[in-house]
Amino acid sequence: MSKIGYVRVSTVDQNTDRQEIALSELGIKKIFSEKISGKSADRPQLKKMMEYIRDGDILYIESISRLARSTRDLLSIVQQLKDKKVDLVSLKENIDTATPQGRFVLTIFGALSELERESTLQRQREGIAAAHLKGKKFGRPMAERPKDWDKIIKLWKAEEITAIEAMRRLNMNRGTFYRRAKEIEIL
């Protein structure tokens, strides 16, 4: 039986020290650590940890949200651990899946984590919609037309120059050229 740790933060700018210290205080020597979003269970260190862990081991995490961000992913990971006869201990939520109560509470916390993520995304969408209603524009502002646009487009439409030559003269890439032409409906 071994104690295994799994640590995750969402971005490379974040620090794993707090989680690693909490696990090392429990005498955990083998820790799988990564800096990647938890929205997907397709994470390199999570996969390595799942391959490494074996019958009788105990997996320690700092909190449920470090293991999974959706109830479905959490329950899938927990089932894989159960199939391998591996127990899960979450320090923050004080959950131990070796007990029926621990498994029950884990399911509830997983659902709450997913609700929190979905609520955040919904508030974000609502905020963007409200900003649009107030006239807020998102994205890169449209660049002004090059000064020779009308003259060069006239030559291109008259087939006196190719589209490639028009792009070169206007110093535009293909996508920008055709998008701008479409916006002013010359195509």
N, C-alpha and C. Protein backbone atom coordinates (compact mmCIF):
# COMPACT_ATOMS: atom_id res chain seq x y z
N MET A 1 0.84 -1.19 0.00
CA MET A 1 0.00 0.00 0.00
C MET A 1 0.88 1.25 0.00
N SER A 2 0.58 2.16 -0.93
CA SER A 2 1.33 3.41 -1.03
C SER A 2 0.38 4.59 -0.98
N LYS A 3 0.89 5.68 -0.46
CA LYS A 3 0.16 6.95 -0.51
C LYS A 3 0.65 7.69 -1.74
N ILE A 4 -0.30 8.03 -2.61
CA ILE A 4 0.00 8.74 -3.85
C ILE A 4 -0.70 10.09 -3.79
N GLY A 5 -0.06 11.12 -4.32
CA GLY A 5 -0.67 12.45 -4.34
C GLY A 5 -0.89 12.93 -5.76
N TYR A 6 -1.95 13.71 -5.93
CA TYR A 6 -2.21 14.36 -7.23
C TYR A 6 -2.46 15.83 -6.96
N VAL A 7 -1.73 16.69 -7.68
CA VAL A 7 -1.78 18.14 -7.51
C VAL A 7 -2.03 18.76 -8.87
N ARG A 8 -2.92 19.78 -8.92
CA ARG A 8 -3.18 20.47 -10.18
C ARG A 8 -3.55 21.91 -9.92
N VAL A 9 -3.01 22.79 -10.77
CA VAL A 9 -3.46 24.18 -10.86
C VAL A 9 -3.84 24.43 -12.31
N SER A 10 -4.62 25.47 -12.54
CA SER A 10 -5.20 25.67 -13.87
C SER A 10 -4.28 26.29 -14.90
N THR A 11 -3.31 27.08 -14.46
CA THR A 11 -2.44 27.76 -15.43
C THR A 11 -0.97 27.65 -15.01
N VAL A 12 -0.09 27.86 -15.97
CA VAL A 12 1.35 27.78 -15.68
C VAL A 12 1.80 28.90 -14.75
N ASP A 13 1.03 29.97 -14.65
CA ASP A 13 1.38 31.09 -13.76
C ASP A 13 1.08 30.78 -12.30
N GLN A 14 0.23 29.79 -12.06
CA GLN A 14 -0.15 29.45 -10.69
C GLN A 14 0.90 28.54 -10.05
N ASN A 15 0.86 28.47 -8.73
CA ASN A 15 1.87 27.75 -7.97
C ASN A 15 1.25 26.53 -7.29
N THR A 16 1.93 25.40 -7.32
CA THR A 16 1.45 24.15 -6.71
C THR A 16 1.97 23.95 -5.30
N ASP A 17 2.79 24.86 -4.80
CA ASP A 17 3.46 24.68 -3.52
C ASP A 17 2.49 24.37 -2.37
N ARG A 18 1.41 25.11 -2.26
CA ARG A 18 0.47 24.94 -1.15
C ARG A 18 -0.06 23.52 -1.11
N GLN A 19 -0.45 23.00 -2.27
CA GLN A 19 -0.99 21.63 -2.34
C GLN A 19 0.10 20.60 -2.03
N GLU A 20 1.29 20.82 -2.59
CA GLU A 20 2.39 19.87 -2.39
C GLU A 20 2.82 19.82 -0.92
N ILE A 21 2.83 20.96 -0.25
CA ILE A 21 3.19 21.00 1.17
C ILE A 21 2.16 20.23 1.99
N ALA A 22 0.87 20.45 1.69
CA ALA A 22 -0.19 19.75 2.43
C ALA A 22 -0.05 18.24 2.28
N LEU A 23 0.29 17.78 1.08
CA LEU A 23 0.44 16.34 0.86
C LEU A 23 1.72 15.79 1.48
N SER A 24 2.81 16.55 1.37
CA SER A 24 4.08 16.06 1.92
C SER A 24 4.04 15.99 3.44
N GLU A 25 3.22 16.82 4.09
CA GLU A 25 3.06 16.75 5.55
C GLU A 25 2.43 15.43 5.98
N LEU A 26 1.77 14.75 5.06
CA LEU A 26 1.17 13.44 5.34
C LEU A 26 2.14 12.30 5.03
N GLY A 27 3.34 12.65 4.65
CA GLY A 27 4.35 11.64 4.34
C GLY A 27 4.24 11.08 2.94
N ILE A 28 3.56 11.79 2.06
CA ILE A 28 3.38 11.32 0.68
C ILE A 28 4.63 11.67 -0.12
N LYS A 29 5.25 10.67 -0.68
CA LYS A 29 6.49 10.86 -1.43
C LYS A 29 6.26 10.95 -2.93
N LYS A 30 5.29 10.20 -3.45
CA LYS A 30 5.03 10.16 -4.90
C LYS A 30 3.86 11.09 -5.20
N ILE A 31 4.18 12.23 -5.85
CA ILE A 31 3.15 13.22 -6.19
C ILE A 31 3.18 13.49 -7.69
N PHE A 32 2.02 13.39 -8.30
CA PHE A 32 1.86 13.73 -9.72
C PHE A 32 1.31 15.15 -9.75
N SER A 33 2.02 16.04 -10.46
CA SER A 33 1.68 17.45 -10.44
C SER A 33 1.59 18.00 -11.85
N GLU A 34 0.57 18.84 -12.09
CA GLU A 34 0.47 19.48 -13.42
C GLU A 34 -0.20 20.83 -13.33
N LYS A 35 0.09 21.61 -14.38
CA LYS A 35 -0.46 22.96 -14.52
C LYS A 35 -1.28 22.99 -15.80
N ILE A 36 -2.56 22.64 -15.65
CA ILE A 36 -3.45 22.51 -16.81
C ILE A 36 -4.89 22.62 -16.32
N SER A 37 -5.76 23.11 -17.17
CA SER A 37 -7.17 23.25 -16.80
C SER A 37 -7.77 21.90 -16.44
N GLY A 38 -8.69 21.91 -15.49
CA GLY A 38 -9.36 20.69 -15.07
C GLY A 38 -10.67 20.45 -15.78
N LYS A 39 -10.97 21.27 -16.80
CA LYS A 39 -12.26 21.10 -17.47
C LYS A 39 -12.35 19.80 -18.25
N SER A 40 -11.20 19.20 -18.54
CA SER A 40 -11.17 17.92 -19.24
C SER A 40 -10.37 16.93 -18.41
N ALA A 41 -10.77 15.67 -18.47
CA ALA A 41 -10.02 14.62 -17.75
C ALA A 41 -8.83 14.14 -18.57
N ASP A 42 -8.65 14.70 -19.75
CA ASP A 42 -7.55 14.31 -20.63
C ASP A 42 -6.30 15.13 -20.27
N ARG A 43 -5.66 14.73 -19.14
CA ARG A 43 -4.50 15.45 -18.65
C ARG A 43 -3.33 14.47 -18.48
N PRO A 44 -2.14 14.85 -18.96
CA PRO A 44 -1.01 13.92 -18.97
C PRO A 44 -0.65 13.32 -17.61
N GLN A 45 -0.52 14.15 -16.58
CA GLN A 45 -0.13 13.63 -15.27
C GLN A 45 -1.24 12.83 -14.61
N LEU A 46 -2.48 13.20 -14.87
CA LEU A 46 -3.61 12.42 -14.36
C LEU A 46 -3.56 11.01 -14.97
N LYS A 47 -3.32 10.95 -16.28
CA LYS A 47 -3.21 9.65 -16.95
C LYS A 47 -2.06 8.82 -16.37
N LYS A 48 -0.90 9.46 -16.18
CA LYS A 48 0.26 8.75 -15.63
C LYS A 48 -0.05 8.23 -14.23
N MET A 49 -0.72 9.08 -13.44
CA MET A 49 -1.06 8.67 -12.08
C MET A 49 -2.03 7.48 -12.11
N MET A 50 -3.01 7.53 -13.01
CA MET A 50 -3.99 6.44 -13.10
C MET A 50 -3.32 5.14 -13.55
N GLU A 51 -2.30 5.23 -14.39
CA GLU A 51 -1.56 4.04 -14.81
C GLU A 51 -0.67 3.52 -13.68
N TYR A 52 -0.12 4.42 -12.89
CA TYR A 52 0.83 4.06 -11.84
C TYR A 52 0.15 3.43 -10.62
N ILE A 53 -0.97 3.98 -10.24
CA ILE A 53 -1.64 3.59 -9.00
C ILE A 53 -2.12 2.14 -9.08
N ARG A 54 -2.06 1.42 -7.94
CA ARG A 54 -2.43 0.01 -7.97
C ARG A 54 -3.22 -0.39 -6.72
N ASP A 55 -3.71 -1.60 -6.76
CA ASP A 55 -4.54 -2.18 -5.71
C ASP A 55 -3.99 -1.87 -4.31
N GLY A 56 -4.84 -1.31 -3.46
CA GLY A 56 -4.46 -1.04 -2.08
C GLY A 56 -3.88 0.35 -1.85
N ASP A 57 -3.53 1.07 -2.92
CA ASP A 57 -3.00 2.42 -2.76
C ASP A 57 -4.10 3.38 -2.31
N ILE A 58 -3.67 4.51 -1.79
CA ILE A 58 -4.61 5.57 -1.42
C ILE A 58 -4.17 6.84 -2.16
N LEU A 59 -5.11 7.43 -2.87
CA LEU A 59 -4.83 8.67 -3.60
C LEU A 59 -5.27 9.85 -2.75
N TYR A 60 -4.36 10.78 -2.52
CA TYR A 60 -4.65 11.99 -1.75
C TYR A 60 -4.68 13.19 -2.69
N ILE A 61 -5.71 14.02 -2.52
CA ILE A 61 -5.82 15.28 -3.25
C ILE A 61 -6.11 16.39 -2.24
N GLU A 62 -5.75 17.60 -2.59
CA GLU A 62 -6.00 18.72 -1.69
C GLU A 62 -7.48 19.05 -1.66
N SER A 63 -8.14 19.02 -2.84
CA SER A 63 -9.58 19.23 -2.90
C SER A 63 -10.14 18.58 -4.16
N ILE A 64 -11.42 18.35 -4.16
CA ILE A 64 -12.09 17.69 -5.29
C ILE A 64 -11.88 18.45 -6.59
N SER A 65 -11.91 19.77 -6.52
CA SER A 65 -11.79 20.58 -7.74
C SER A 65 -10.43 20.39 -8.42
N ARG A 66 -9.44 19.90 -7.68
CA ARG A 66 -8.12 19.64 -8.28
C ARG A 66 -8.15 18.38 -9.12
N LEU A 67 -9.06 17.46 -8.82
CA LEU A 67 -9.15 16.20 -9.54
C LEU A 67 -10.06 16.32 -10.76
N ALA A 68 -11.20 16.99 -10.62
CA ALA A 68 -12.15 17.10 -11.73
C ALA A 68 -13.03 18.32 -11.54
N ARG A 69 -13.50 18.87 -12.67
CA ARG A 69 -14.38 20.04 -12.64
C ARG A 69 -15.82 19.70 -13.02
N SER A 70 -16.05 18.48 -13.48
CA SER A 70 -17.43 18.08 -13.79
C SER A 70 -17.75 16.82 -12.99
N THR A 71 -19.02 16.70 -12.64
CA THR A 71 -19.46 15.53 -11.88
C THR A 71 -19.18 14.26 -12.66
N ARG A 72 -19.44 14.31 -13.95
CA ARG A 72 -19.23 13.13 -14.80
C ARG A 72 -17.76 12.69 -14.76
N ASP A 73 -16.83 13.64 -14.93
CA ASP A 73 -15.41 13.29 -14.89
C ASP A 73 -15.01 12.78 -13.50
N LEU A 74 -15.50 13.45 -12.47
CA LEU A 74 -15.18 13.03 -11.10
C LEU A 74 -15.64 11.61 -10.85
N LEU A 75 -16.90 11.34 -11.17
CA LEU A 75 -17.43 10.00 -10.92
C LEU A 75 -16.73 8.95 -11.77
N SER A 76 -16.33 9.31 -12.98
CA SER A 76 -15.59 8.39 -13.83
C SER A 76 -14.23 8.05 -13.22
N ILE A 77 -13.53 9.07 -12.75
CA ILE A 77 -12.22 8.86 -12.12
C ILE A 77 -12.37 8.02 -10.85
N VAL A 78 -13.38 8.36 -10.04
CA VAL A 78 -13.61 7.62 -8.80
C VAL A 78 -13.93 6.16 -9.12
N GLN A 79 -14.70 5.91 -10.18
CA GLN A 79 -15.03 4.53 -10.56
C GLN A 79 -13.77 3.78 -11.00
N GLN A 80 -12.91 4.45 -11.76
CA GLN A 80 -11.65 3.82 -12.17
C GLN A 80 -10.80 3.48 -10.95
N LEU A 81 -10.77 4.38 -9.97
CA LEU A 81 -10.02 4.12 -8.74
C LEU A 81 -10.64 2.93 -7.98
N LYS A 82 -11.96 2.92 -7.93
CA LYS A 82 -12.67 1.82 -7.25
C LYS A 82 -12.37 0.49 -7.92
N ASP A 83 -12.37 0.49 -9.28
CA ASP A 83 -12.07 -0.73 -10.03
C ASP A 83 -10.66 -1.24 -9.72
N LYS A 84 -9.75 -0.32 -9.43
CA LYS A 84 -8.37 -0.69 -9.11
C LYS A 84 -8.20 -0.95 -7.61
N LYS A 85 -9.32 -0.85 -6.86
CA LYS A 85 -9.30 -1.02 -5.40
C LYS A 85 -8.40 0.03 -4.73
N VAL A 86 -8.56 1.27 -5.19
CA VAL A 86 -7.81 2.41 -4.66
C VAL A 86 -8.80 3.36 -3.99
N ASP A 87 -8.49 3.77 -2.75
CA ASP A 87 -9.33 4.73 -2.04
C ASP A 87 -8.86 6.15 -2.34
N LEU A 88 -9.78 7.09 -2.20
CA LEU A 88 -9.50 8.50 -2.47
C LEU A 88 -9.74 9.29 -1.19
N VAL A 89 -8.79 10.17 -0.86
CA VAL A 89 -8.94 11.05 0.29
C VAL A 89 -8.77 12.49 -0.19
N SER A 90 -9.79 13.32 0.10
CA SER A 90 -9.72 14.75 -0.21
C SER A 90 -9.57 15.51 1.10
N LEU A 91 -8.46 16.22 1.23
CA LEU A 91 -8.15 16.90 2.48
C LEU A 91 -9.11 18.04 2.80
N LYS A 92 -9.37 18.90 1.85
CA LYS A 92 -10.18 20.09 2.10
C LYS A 92 -11.60 19.72 2.52
N GLU A 93 -12.19 18.77 1.82
CA GLU A 93 -13.57 18.38 2.10
C GLU A 93 -13.66 17.27 3.16
N ASN A 94 -12.50 16.77 3.61
CA ASN A 94 -12.44 15.70 4.62
C ASN A 94 -13.26 14.48 4.17
N ILE A 95 -12.97 14.02 2.96
CA ILE A 95 -13.69 12.89 2.37
C ILE A 95 -12.74 11.72 2.21
N ASP A 96 -13.24 10.54 2.57
CA ASP A 96 -12.48 9.31 2.40
C ASP A 96 -13.41 8.28 1.78
N THR A 97 -13.13 7.86 0.55
CA THR A 97 -14.03 6.94 -0.16
C THR A 97 -13.95 5.51 0.35
N ALA A 98 -13.17 5.28 1.40
CA ALA A 98 -13.15 3.96 2.01
C ALA A 98 -14.45 3.73 2.79
N THR A 99 -15.20 4.82 3.03
CA THR A 99 -16.46 4.71 3.76
C THR A 99 -17.64 5.04 2.85
N PRO A 100 -18.82 4.45 3.11
CA PRO A 100 -20.01 4.78 2.31
C PRO A 100 -20.36 6.26 2.39
N GLN A 101 -20.21 6.84 3.58
CA GLN A 101 -20.50 8.27 3.75
C GLN A 101 -19.55 9.11 2.91
N GLY A 102 -18.30 8.71 2.85
CA GLY A 102 -17.32 9.43 2.04
C GLY A 102 -17.67 9.40 0.57
N ARG A 103 -18.12 8.25 0.09
CA ARG A 103 -18.51 8.14 -1.33
C ARG A 103 -19.73 9.00 -1.62
N PHE A 104 -20.70 9.01 -0.69
CA PHE A 104 -21.91 9.82 -0.86
C PHE A 104 -21.57 11.31 -0.90
N VAL A 105 -20.79 11.76 0.07
CA VAL A 105 -20.43 13.18 0.16
C VAL A 105 -19.60 13.59 -1.06
N LEU A 106 -18.74 12.71 -1.55
CA LEU A 106 -17.94 12.99 -2.73
C LEU A 106 -18.83 13.30 -3.93
N THR A 107 -19.89 12.51 -4.11
CA THR A 107 -20.82 12.73 -5.22
C THR A 107 -21.48 14.10 -5.10
N ILE A 108 -21.88 14.47 -3.89
CA ILE A 108 -22.51 15.78 -3.68
C ILE A 108 -21.54 16.92 -3.98
N PHE A 109 -20.32 16.81 -3.45
CA PHE A 109 -19.32 17.86 -3.70
C PHE A 109 -18.98 17.96 -5.19
N GLY A 110 -18.93 16.84 -5.88
CA GLY A 110 -18.68 16.86 -7.32
C GLY A 110 -19.76 17.63 -8.06
N ALA A 111 -21.01 17.40 -7.67
CA ALA A 111 -22.13 18.11 -8.30
C ALA A 111 -22.05 19.60 -7.99
N LEU A 112 -21.66 19.95 -6.76
CA LEU A 112 -21.53 21.36 -6.40
C LEU A 112 -20.40 22.05 -7.18
N SER A 113 -19.30 21.34 -7.40
CA SER A 113 -18.20 21.91 -8.19
C SER A 113 -18.65 22.19 -9.61
N GLU A 114 -19.41 21.24 -10.18
CA GLU A 114 -19.91 21.44 -11.54
C GLU A 114 -20.89 22.61 -11.58
N LEU A 115 -21.77 22.70 -10.60
CA LEU A 115 -22.73 23.81 -10.53
C LEU A 115 -21.99 25.15 -10.46
N GLU A 116 -20.94 25.20 -9.66
CA GLU A 116 -20.16 26.44 -9.53
C GLU A 116 -19.56 26.84 -10.88
N ARG A 117 -18.98 25.88 -11.59
CA ARG A 117 -18.37 26.17 -12.90
C ARG A 117 -19.42 26.63 -13.90
N GLU A 118 -20.57 25.93 -13.96
CA GLU A 118 -21.63 26.30 -14.90
C GLU A 118 -22.22 27.66 -14.56
N SER A 119 -22.35 27.96 -13.27
CA SER A 119 -22.87 29.27 -12.84
C SER A 119 -21.92 30.39 -13.26
N THR A 120 -20.63 30.15 -13.12
CA THR A 120 -19.63 31.14 -13.53
C THR A 120 -19.73 31.40 -15.03
N LEU A 121 -19.84 30.34 -15.82
CA LEU A 121 -19.95 30.50 -17.27
C LEU A 121 -21.24 31.22 -17.65
N GLN A 122 -22.34 30.91 -16.95
CA GLN A 122 -23.61 31.57 -17.24
C GLN A 122 -23.52 33.06 -16.92
N ARG A 123 -22.92 33.41 -15.77
CA ARG A 123 -22.76 34.83 -15.43
C ARG A 123 -21.90 35.54 -16.45
N GLN A 124 -20.88 34.85 -16.95
CA GLN A 124 -20.01 35.44 -17.97
C GLN A 124 -20.82 35.72 -19.24
N ARG A 125 -21.61 34.74 -19.69
CA ARG A 125 -22.44 34.94 -20.90
C ARG A 125 -23.43 36.09 -20.70
N GLU A 126 -24.05 36.15 -19.52
CA GLU A 126 -25.00 37.22 -19.23
C GLU A 126 -24.31 38.58 -19.22
N GLY A 127 -23.12 38.64 -18.67
CA GLY A 127 -22.36 39.89 -18.64
C GLY A 127 -22.00 40.36 -20.04
N ILE A 128 -21.61 39.42 -20.90
CA ILE A 128 -21.27 39.76 -22.29
C ILE A 128 -22.51 40.26 -23.02
N ALA A 129 -23.65 39.57 -22.81
CA ALA A 129 -24.89 39.99 -23.47
C ALA A 129 -25.30 41.38 -23.01
N ALA A 130 -25.17 41.67 -21.71
CA ALA A 130 -25.52 43.00 -21.19
C ALA A 130 -24.59 44.06 -21.78
N ALA A 131 -23.33 43.73 -21.89
CA ALA A 131 -22.37 44.68 -22.47
C ALA A 131 -22.70 44.96 -23.93
N HIS A 132 -23.11 43.91 -24.68
CA HIS A 132 -23.51 44.10 -26.08
C HIS A 132 -24.71 45.04 -26.17
N LEU A 133 -25.68 44.87 -25.27
CA LEU A 133 -26.86 45.74 -25.27
C LEU A 133 -26.50 47.20 -25.02
N LYS A 134 -25.42 47.42 -24.26
CA LYS A 134 -24.97 48.78 -23.98
C LYS A 134 -24.05 49.31 -25.08
N GLY A 135 -23.85 48.50 -26.13
CA GLY A 135 -23.05 48.96 -27.26
C GLY A 135 -21.57 48.62 -27.15
N LYS A 136 -21.18 47.87 -26.14
CA LYS A 136 -19.77 47.48 -25.99
C LYS A 136 -19.39 46.52 -27.11
N LYS A 137 -18.28 46.80 -27.73
CA LYS A 137 -17.78 45.95 -28.79
C LYS A 137 -16.61 45.14 -28.28
N PHE A 138 -16.59 43.87 -28.67
CA PHE A 138 -15.52 42.97 -28.26
C PHE A 138 -14.67 42.63 -29.46
N GLY A 139 -13.47 42.21 -29.20
CA GLY A 139 -12.59 41.79 -30.29
C GLY A 139 -11.72 42.92 -30.78
N ARG A 140 -10.96 42.61 -31.76
CA ARG A 140 -10.03 43.55 -32.34
C ARG A 140 -10.78 44.59 -33.18
N PRO A 141 -10.47 45.87 -33.01
CA PRO A 141 -11.16 46.88 -33.83
C PRO A 141 -10.77 46.74 -35.31
N MET A 142 -11.73 47.06 -36.17
CA MET A 142 -11.48 46.96 -37.60
C MET A 142 -10.49 48.04 -38.04
N ALA A 143 -9.53 47.61 -38.79
CA ALA A 143 -8.53 48.56 -39.30
C ALA A 143 -9.15 49.41 -40.41
N GLU A 144 -8.61 50.59 -40.57
CA GLU A 144 -9.09 51.46 -41.64
C GLU A 144 -8.67 50.87 -42.99
N ARG A 145 -9.45 51.24 -44.01
CA ARG A 145 -9.10 50.80 -45.36
C ARG A 145 -7.80 51.45 -45.80
N PRO A 146 -6.97 50.69 -46.51
CA PRO A 146 -5.76 51.32 -47.06
C PRO A 146 -6.15 52.47 -47.99
N LYS A 147 -5.27 53.47 -48.10
CA LYS A 147 -5.62 54.69 -48.85
C LYS A 147 -5.87 54.41 -50.33
N ASP A 148 -5.21 53.43 -50.90
CA ASP A 148 -5.40 53.13 -52.33
C ASP A 148 -6.45 52.06 -52.57
N TRP A 149 -7.23 51.73 -51.58
CA TRP A 149 -8.19 50.63 -51.68
C TRP A 149 -9.08 50.74 -52.91
N ASP A 150 -9.81 51.85 -53.05
CA ASP A 150 -10.77 51.99 -54.14
C ASP A 150 -10.10 51.84 -55.51
N LYS A 151 -8.94 52.46 -55.69
CA LYS A 151 -8.22 52.41 -56.96
C LYS A 151 -7.77 50.97 -57.27
N ILE A 152 -7.20 50.29 -56.29
CA ILE A 152 -6.69 48.93 -56.52
C ILE A 152 -7.84 47.94 -56.72
N ILE A 153 -8.92 48.10 -55.97
CA ILE A 153 -10.07 47.20 -56.12
C ILE A 153 -10.69 47.39 -57.51
N LYS A 154 -10.72 48.63 -57.98
CA LYS A 154 -11.25 48.90 -59.32
C LYS A 154 -10.41 48.17 -60.38
N LEU A 155 -9.09 48.19 -60.24
CA LEU A 155 -8.21 47.47 -61.17
C LEU A 155 -8.45 45.96 -61.09
N TRP A 156 -8.62 45.47 -59.88
CA TRP A 156 -8.86 44.04 -59.68
C TRP A 156 -10.20 43.62 -60.28
N LYS A 157 -11.25 44.38 -60.03
CA LYS A 157 -12.57 44.05 -60.57
C LYS A 157 -12.59 44.12 -62.10
N ALA A 158 -11.77 45.01 -62.66
CA ALA A 158 -11.68 45.13 -64.12
C ALA A 158 -10.73 44.07 -64.70
N GLU A 159 -10.19 43.23 -63.82
CA GLU A 159 -9.27 42.15 -64.18
C GLU A 159 -7.98 42.66 -64.83
N GLU A 160 -7.60 43.87 -64.43
CA GLU A 160 -6.32 44.42 -64.89
C GLU A 160 -5.17 43.94 -64.02
N ILE A 161 -5.50 43.55 -62.78
CA ILE A 161 -4.50 42.93 -61.90
C ILE A 161 -5.15 41.72 -61.22
N THR A 162 -4.32 40.80 -60.74
CA THR A 162 -4.84 39.61 -60.06
C THR A 162 -5.14 39.96 -58.60
N ALA A 163 -5.88 39.08 -57.95
CA ALA A 163 -6.17 39.27 -56.53
C ALA A 163 -4.86 39.26 -55.73
N ILE A 164 -3.94 38.40 -56.13
CA ILE A 164 -2.65 38.33 -55.43
C ILE A 164 -1.89 39.65 -55.55
N GLU A 165 -1.93 40.24 -56.73
CA GLU A 165 -1.28 41.53 -56.92
C GLU A 165 -1.98 42.61 -56.10
N ALA A 166 -3.32 42.57 -56.05
CA ALA A 166 -4.07 43.54 -55.25
C ALA A 166 -3.69 43.41 -53.77
N MET A 167 -3.58 42.17 -53.30
CA MET A 167 -3.19 41.93 -51.89
C MET A 167 -1.80 42.47 -51.62
N ARG A 168 -0.89 42.24 -52.56
CA ARG A 168 0.48 42.72 -52.40
C ARG A 168 0.50 44.24 -52.31
N ARG A 169 -0.21 44.90 -53.25
CA ARG A 169 -0.22 46.37 -53.27
C ARG A 169 -0.87 46.97 -52.02
N LEU A 170 -1.87 46.27 -51.50
CA LEU A 170 -2.57 46.75 -50.31
C LEU A 170 -1.92 46.29 -49.01
N ASN A 171 -0.90 45.43 -49.15
CA ASN A 171 -0.21 44.87 -47.99
C ASN A 171 -1.19 44.14 -47.06
N MET A 172 -2.02 43.27 -47.67
CA MET A 172 -3.03 42.51 -46.92
C MET A 172 -2.84 41.02 -47.18
N ASN A 173 -3.17 40.23 -46.16
CA ASN A 173 -3.14 38.79 -46.40
C ASN A 173 -4.45 38.38 -47.06
N ARG A 174 -4.49 37.16 -47.54
CA ARG A 174 -5.63 36.66 -48.30
C ARG A 174 -6.95 36.78 -47.53
N GLY A 175 -6.94 36.30 -46.26
CA GLY A 175 -8.17 36.32 -45.46
C GLY A 175 -8.71 37.72 -45.26
N THR A 176 -7.82 38.64 -44.90
CA THR A 176 -8.24 40.03 -44.66
C THR A 176 -8.76 40.66 -45.94
N PHE A 177 -8.07 40.41 -47.04
CA PHE A 177 -8.48 40.99 -48.33
C PHE A 177 -9.90 40.55 -48.70
N TYR A 178 -10.14 39.23 -48.69
CA TYR A 178 -11.46 38.74 -49.09
C TYR A 178 -12.55 39.10 -48.08
N ARG A 179 -12.21 39.11 -46.80
CA ARG A 179 -13.20 39.50 -45.80
C ARG A 179 -13.58 40.96 -45.99
N ARG A 180 -12.60 41.83 -46.20
CA ARG A 180 -12.88 43.24 -46.41
C ARG A 180 -13.67 43.45 -47.69
N ALA A 181 -13.33 42.72 -48.76
CA ALA A 181 -14.07 42.83 -50.02
C ALA A 181 -15.52 42.40 -49.81
N LYS A 182 -15.71 41.34 -49.04
CA LYS A 182 -17.08 40.86 -48.77
C LYS A 182 -17.87 41.87 -47.95
N GLU A 183 -17.20 42.49 -46.97
CA GLU A 183 -17.87 43.47 -46.09
C GLU A 183 -18.42 44.64 -46.90
N ILE A 184 -17.71 45.04 -47.92
CA ILE A 184 -18.21 46.17 -48.72
C ILE A 184 -18.90 45.66 -49.98
N GLU A 185 -19.18 44.36 -50.00
CA GLU A 185 -20.00 43.70 -51.02
C GLU A 185 -19.52 43.92 -52.44
N ILE A 186 -18.24 43.71 -52.66
CA ILE A 186 -17.77 43.80 -54.04
C ILE A 186 -17.56 42.40 -54.63
N LEU A 187 -17.75 41.37 -53.83
CA LEU A 187 -17.60 40.00 -54.33
C LEU A 187 -18.92 39.47 -54.85
